[in-house]
Structures are given as C-alpha cells and as structure tokens.
Amino acid sequence: MVAVKISPKYQIVIPKELRERLKLKPGQQVFFYERNGALQILLDRPLSELRGIAKGISWKDDYRDHSERF
C-alpha cells in the first residue's frame, strides 16, 4: 500500500510503481465510486481484453434450464 496526499486542487498522483504494474497511460479513463465508506477506482478496459477469459470451460446441454422456454 502506498500513501498519497490530496493537493489543494483535490488532485492525486498515482505512484509510478502502480502506473507501471497496471500499465496506465496518459488520458486513460478511470471510474471512481464509493463503496462501504471506501473509495474504489475501476480501470476502463477494452472489451477485447476479455477474449479467452472462458477458455477451457466445458459446457453441457443439460446445464441449461429448458423449462423457461415457452
């Protein structure tokens, strides 16, 4: 964990080690939100990064609930 200070203009600097590890680029969009009293930052990633996320999952036809069909 790295501590940073908020500037008088309410700005923060993301430490270099985190920028490099997360491969952040200037102009990249991030989202801030509050959850249970903690500030969370979510990186905006392209949909193409999800390619292959389910690779190797075996799917059988009986996994689906066919009773929901009309």
Protein backbone atom coordinates (compact mmCIF):
# COMPACT_ATOMS: atom_id res chain seq x y z
CA MET A 1 0.00 0.00 0.00
CA VAL A 2 1.25 3.45 -0.91
CA ALA A 3 0.03 6.66 0.72
CA VAL A 4 -0.57 9.80 -1.35
CA LYS A 5 -1.78 13.27 -0.41
CA ILE A 6 -4.63 15.19 -1.98
CA SER A 7 -3.47 18.53 -3.38
CA PRO A 8 -5.30 21.81 -2.66
CA LYS A 9 -6.95 21.33 -6.08
CA TYR A 10 -8.19 17.84 -5.00
CA GLN A 11 -5.73 16.08 -7.29
CA ILE A 12 -3.73 12.94 -6.56
CA VAL A 13 -0.70 11.38 -8.23
CA ILE A 14 -0.76 7.65 -8.92
CA PRO A 15 2.62 6.28 -7.81
CA LYS A 16 4.96 5.15 -10.59
CA GLU A 17 5.12 1.54 -9.40
CA LEU A 18 1.31 1.26 -9.66
CA ARG A 19 1.19 3.01 -13.05
CA GLU A 20 3.72 0.57 -14.43
CA ARG A 21 2.15 -2.53 -12.88
CA LEU A 22 -1.34 -1.59 -14.15
CA LYS A 23 0.01 -0.32 -17.49
CA LEU A 24 -1.79 3.03 -17.15
CA LYS A 25 -1.47 5.52 -19.97
CA PRO A 26 -1.98 9.31 -20.02
CA GLY A 27 -5.55 10.14 -20.96
CA GLN A 28 -6.86 6.72 -19.94
CA GLN A 29 -10.28 6.88 -18.30
CA VAL A 30 -10.82 5.56 -14.76
CA PHE A 31 -14.01 5.44 -12.69
CA PHE A 32 -14.25 6.45 -9.04
CA TYR A 33 -17.01 5.22 -6.77
CA GLU A 34 -17.69 4.90 -3.06
CA ARG A 35 -18.40 1.51 -1.52
CA ASN A 36 -18.93 0.99 2.20
CA GLY A 37 -17.02 4.17 3.04
CA ALA A 38 -14.02 3.31 0.84
CA LEU A 39 -13.01 4.99 -2.40
CA GLN A 40 -12.73 2.47 -5.24
CA ILE A 41 -11.08 3.05 -8.61
CA LEU A 42 -12.08 0.96 -11.59
CA LEU A 43 -9.97 0.95 -14.74
CA ASP A 44 -11.70 1.31 -18.07
CA ARG A 45 -10.51 -1.68 -20.08
CA PRO A 46 -11.41 -2.50 -23.69
CA LEU A 47 -13.80 -5.37 -24.28
CA SER A 48 -11.14 -7.13 -26.35
CA GLU A 49 -9.22 -7.88 -23.12
CA LEU A 50 -11.98 -10.33 -22.16
CA ARG A 51 -11.22 -12.53 -25.17
CA GLY A 52 -10.32 -16.03 -23.99
CA ILE A 53 -11.49 -15.50 -20.40
CA ALA A 54 -13.69 -18.62 -20.55
CA LYS A 55 -11.24 -20.76 -22.49
CA GLY A 56 -11.32 -24.40 -21.44
CA ILE A 57 -14.76 -24.32 -19.83
CA SER A 58 -16.76 -27.41 -20.73
CA TRP A 59 -20.44 -26.75 -21.36
CA LYS A 60 -23.09 -29.44 -21.46
CA ASP A 61 -26.60 -29.02 -22.81
CA ASP A 62 -28.14 -30.22 -19.54
CA TYR A 63 -26.70 -27.19 -17.69
CA ARG A 64 -29.43 -25.03 -19.19
CA ASP A 65 -32.90 -24.92 -17.68
CA HIS A 66 -35.19 -25.78 -20.60
CA SER A 67 -38.35 -25.27 -18.52
CA GLU A 68 -38.10 -21.49 -19.03
CA ARG A 69 -38.91 -21.83 -22.71
CA PHE A 70 -42.43 -21.12 -23.93
